[in-house]
C-alpha atoms as a PDB file:
ATOM      1  CA  MET A   1     257.575  46.082  59.491  1.00  0.00           C
ATOM      2  CA  GLU A   2     259.123  49.223  61.360  1.00  0.00           C
ATOM      3  CA  ALA A   3     257.904  52.227  58.476  1.00  0.00           C
ATOM      4  CA  TRP A   4     254.584  50.707  59.534  1.00  0.00           C
ATOM      5  CA  PHE A   5     255.555  51.611  63.354  1.00  0.00           C
ATOM      6  CA  ALA A   6     256.548  54.448  62.812  1.00  0.00           C
ATOM      7  CA  LEU A   7     253.703  55.524  60.866  1.00  0.00           C
ATOM      8  CA  LEU A   8     251.565  54.617  63.772  1.00  0.00           C
ATOM      9  CA  VAL A   9     253.426  56.038  65.739  1.00  0.00           C
ATOM     10  CA  GLY A  10     252.266  59.110  63.698  1.00  0.00           C
ATOM     11  CA  ILE A  11     249.107  58.911  63.318  1.00  0.00           C
ATOM     12  CA  PHE A  12     249.210  58.685  66.925  1.00  0.00           C
ATOM     13  CA  PHE A  13     251.171  61.543  67.360  1.00  0.00           C
ATOM     14  CA  THR A  14     249.032  63.584  65.059  1.00  0.00           C
ATOM     15  CA  VAL A  15     245.466  62.621  67.413  1.00  0.00           C
ATOM     16  CA  ALA A  16     247.197  63.073  70.233  1.00  0.00           C
ATOM     17  CA  VAL A  17     247.996  66.709  69.767  1.00  0.00           C
ATOM     18  CA  TYR A  18     244.990  67.458  68.419  1.00  0.00           C
ATOM     19  CA  LEU A  19     242.760  65.361  70.894  1.00  0.00           C
ATOM     20  CA  MET A  20     244.873  67.906  73.459  1.00  0.00           C
ATOM     21  CA  LEU A  21     244.197  70.919  71.769  1.00  0.00           C
ATOM     22  CA  SER A  22     240.856  70.430  72.460  1.00  0.00           C
ATOM     23  CA  LYS A  23     238.779  73.352  74.785  1.00  0.00           C
ATOM     24  CA  PHE A  24     236.883  69.937  76.331  1.00  0.00           C
ATOM     25  CA  ILE A  25     239.092  68.352  79.314  1.00  0.00           C
ATOM     26  CA  ILE A  26     237.512  64.765  79.017  1.00  0.00           C
ATOM     27  CA  ARG A  27     239.957  65.144  74.772  1.00  0.00           C
ATOM     28  CA  VAL A  28     242.499  66.642  76.782  1.00  0.00           C
ATOM     29  CA  LEU A  29     242.924  62.975  78.727  1.00  0.00           C
ATOM     30  CA  LEU A  30     242.222  61.189  76.344  1.00  0.00           C
ATOM     31  CA  GLY A  31     244.363  62.603  73.858  1.00  0.00           C
ATOM     32  CA  VAL A  32     246.982  62.004  76.867  1.00  0.00           C
ATOM     33  CA  ALA A  33     246.736  58.763  77.376  1.00  0.00           C
ATOM     34  CA  VAL A  34     247.049  57.797  73.074  1.00  0.00           C
ATOM     35  CA  LEU A  35     250.357  60.503  73.554  1.00  0.00           C
ATOM     36  CA  GLY A  36     251.620  57.678  76.071  1.00  0.00           C
ATOM     37  CA  ASN A  37     250.787  54.947  73.631  1.00  0.00           C
ATOM     38  CA  ALA A  38     252.388  57.438  71.034  1.00  0.00           C
ATOM     39  CA  VAL A  39     255.873  57.258  73.339  1.00  0.00           C
ATOM     40  CA  ASN A  40     255.624  53.814  74.303  1.00  0.00           C
ATOM     41  CA  LEU A  41     255.157  52.694  70.840  1.00  0.00           C
ATOM     42  CA  LEU A  42     258.444  55.295  69.519  1.00  0.00           C
ATOM     43  CA  ILE A  43     260.606  53.298  71.780  1.00  0.00           C
ATOM     44  CA  PHE A  44     259.329  50.632  71.628  1.00  0.00           C
ATOM     45  CA  THR A  45     260.195  50.791  66.774  1.00  0.00           C
ATOM     46  CA  GLY A  46     263.162  52.317  68.983  1.00  0.00           C
ATOM     47  CA  GLY A  47     264.824  49.410  69.969  1.00  0.00           C
ATOM     48  CA  ARG A  48     264.008  47.159  67.036  1.00  0.00           C
ATOM     49  CA  LEU A  49     261.423  44.911  66.583  1.00  0.00           C
ATOM     50  CA  THR A  50     263.593  41.328  66.145  1.00  0.00           C
ATOM     51  CA  ARG A  51     262.857  37.683  67.996  1.00  0.00           C
ATOM     52  CA  ASP A  52     265.765  36.996  69.185  1.00  0.00           C
ATOM     53  CA  VAL A  53     266.413  34.850  72.518  1.00  0.00           C
ATOM     54  CA  PRO A  54     266.938  36.520  75.681  1.00  0.00           C
ATOM     55  CA  PRO A  55     269.638  38.361  76.711  1.00  0.00           C
ATOM     56  CA  VAL A  56     270.259  35.632  79.495  1.00  0.00           C
ATOM     57  CA  ILE A  57     273.924  34.383  79.519  1.00  0.00           C
ATOM     58  CA  ALA A  58     274.271  30.228  79.492  1.00  0.00           C
ATOM     59  CA  GLY A  59     275.967  29.015  82.529  1.00  0.00           C
ATOM     60  CA  GLY A  60     279.749  29.316  82.238  1.00  0.00           C
ATOM     61  CA  ALA A  61     279.928  31.123  78.857  1.00  0.00           C
ATOM     62  CA  GLY A  62     281.411  35.214  79.025  1.00  0.00           C
ATOM     63  CA  ALA A  63     279.223  36.156  76.522  1.00  0.00           C
ATOM     64  CA  LEU A  64     276.540  35.936  74.953  1.00  0.00           C
ATOM     65  CA  ASP A  65     277.131  33.455  72.114  1.00  0.00           C
ATOM     66  CA  GLY A  66     274.388  35.437  70.032  1.00  0.00           C
ATOM     67  CA  PRO A  67     272.447  37.913  69.054  1.00  0.00           C
ATOM     68  CA  ALA A  68     269.581  38.956  72.011  1.00  0.00           C
ATOM     69  CA  ALA A  69     267.005  41.065  72.150  1.00  0.00           C
ATOM     70  CA  ASN A  70     268.099  44.921  73.869  1.00  0.00           C
ATOM     71  CA  ALA A  71     266.519  44.915  77.434  1.00  0.00           C
ATOM     72  CA  LEU A  72     266.666  48.455  77.193  1.00  0.00           C
ATOM     73  CA  PRO A  73     263.999  49.804  75.741  1.00  0.00           C
ATOM     74  CA  GLN A  74     261.497  47.031  77.239  1.00  0.00           C
ATOM     75  CA  ALA A  75     262.431  48.406  80.513  1.00  0.00           C
ATOM     76  CA  LEU A  76     261.675  52.166  79.349  1.00  0.00           C
ATOM     77  CA  ILE A  77     258.385  51.277  78.156  1.00  0.00           C
ATOM     78  CA  LEU A  78     257.437  49.620  81.713  1.00  0.00           C
ATOM     79  CA  THR A  79     258.768  52.388  83.352  1.00  0.00           C
ATOM     80  CA  ALA A  80     256.812  54.254  80.542  1.00  0.00           C
ATOM     81  CA  ILE A  81     253.499  52.632  81.070  1.00  0.00           C
ATOM     82  CA  VAL A  82     253.868  52.933  84.693  1.00  0.00           C
ATOM     83  CA  ILE A  83     254.252  56.951  85.338  1.00  0.00           C
ATOM     84  CA  SER A  84     252.463  57.680  82.144  1.00  0.00           C
ATOM     85  CA  PHE A  85     249.369  55.558  84.438  1.00  0.00           C
ATOM     86  CA  SER A  86     249.347  57.509  87.583  1.00  0.00           C
ATOM     87  CA  PHE A  87     249.739  60.969  85.317  1.00  0.00           C
ATOM     88  CA  PHE A  88     246.313  59.781  84.072  1.00  0.00           C
ATOM     89  CA  ALA A  89     244.852  58.811  86.994  1.00  0.00           C
ATOM     90  CA  PHE A  90     245.205  61.858  88.528  1.00  0.00           C
ATOM     91  CA  LEU A  91     244.603  64.126  85.493  1.00  0.00           C
ATOM     92  CA  LEU A  92     241.325  62.234  85.523  1.00  0.00           C
ATOM     93  CA  VAL A  93     241.042  62.379  89.267  1.00  0.00           C
ATOM     94  CA  LEU A  94     241.257  66.225  88.683  1.00  0.00           C
ATOM     95  CA  ALA A  95     238.986  66.479  85.779  1.00  0.00           C
ATOM     96  CA  TRP A  96     237.184  64.435  88.096  1.00  0.00           C
ATOM     97  CA  ARG A  97     236.798  67.361  90.717  1.00  0.00           C
ATOM     98  CA  ALA A  98     236.363  71.079  88.306  1.00  0.00           C
ATOM     99  CA  TYR A  99     233.564  69.853  86.358  1.00  0.00           C
ATOM    100  CA  ALA A 100     232.468  68.802  89.946  1.00  0.00           C
ATOM    101  CA  ASP A 101     233.125  71.825  90.744  1.00  0.00           C
ATOM    102  CA  LEU A 102     232.638  74.413  87.889  1.00  0.00           C
ATOM    103  CA  SER A 103     229.682  72.137  85.996  1.00  0.00           C
ATOM    104  CA  THR A 104     230.990  72.782  82.648  1.00  0.00           C
ATOM    105  CA  ASP A 105     234.136  70.087  81.200  1.00  0.00           C
ATOM    106  CA  ASN A 106     234.658  73.219  78.518  1.00  0.00           C
ATOM    107  CA  THR A 107     237.454  74.898  78.936  1.00  0.00           C
ATOM    108  CA  ASP A 108     235.557  78.318  78.106  1.00  0.00           C
ATOM    109  CA  GLU A 109     233.773  78.524  80.682  1.00  0.00           C
ATOM    110  CA  MET A 110     235.981  77.931  83.677  1.00  0.00           C
ATOM    111  CA  ARG A 111     236.700  81.120  84.993  1.00  0.00           C
ATOM    112  CA  VAL A 112     236.128  81.336  87.792  1.00  0.00           C
ATOM    113  CA  ALA A 113     239.225  83.680  88.945  1.00  0.00           C
ATOM    114  CA  GLU A 114     238.370  85.839  85.756  1.00  0.00           C
ATOM    115  CA  PRO A 115     234.961  88.957  86.953  1.00  0.00           C
ATOM    116  CA  VAL A 116     231.713  88.058  85.555  1.00  0.00           C
ATOM    117  CA  LYS A 117     231.123  91.557  83.772  1.00  0.00           C
ATOM    118  CA  GLU A 118     233.782  91.875  82.446  1.00  0.00           C
ATOM    119  CA  PRO A 119     234.439  90.415  77.967  1.00  0.00           C
ATOM    120  CA  MET A 120     234.989  87.365  77.525  1.00  0.00           C
ATOM    121  CA  PRO A 121     239.228  87.866  76.107  1.00  0.00           C
ATOM    122  CA  PRO A 122     239.278  86.650  72.263  1.00  0.00           C
ATOM    123  CA  LEU A 123     238.798  83.360  70.820  1.00  0.00           C
ATOM    124  CA  GLY A 124     240.764  84.052  67.600  1.00  0.00           C
ATOM    125  CA  TYR A 125     242.648  86.414  65.666  1.00  0.00           C
END
């Protein structure tokens, strides 16, 4: 089961990198969202996929009796979800403002700070 999740994490990272290398802002935003999900799934898979009991020590006991679920990856994933959502919301507002000001989401056409009469930089080598 963990091998399938590792393969899924690899697919998510591949899709995220492909989308973030695009010249359109909306695809970059989708790539950032997929990258956040890939990292969350990576942390989740790294914490082992088990159906153990919650890590709660019974009253009067000094330690856990048997195997228990690891709570650290779960806490890290919850924190990562909040951070990735806030980062995505910030990038969404930034992209919306850029589109509203420049009327395009193509990064090749966003040349506000560059002189108009200058030739375009090389797009490839």
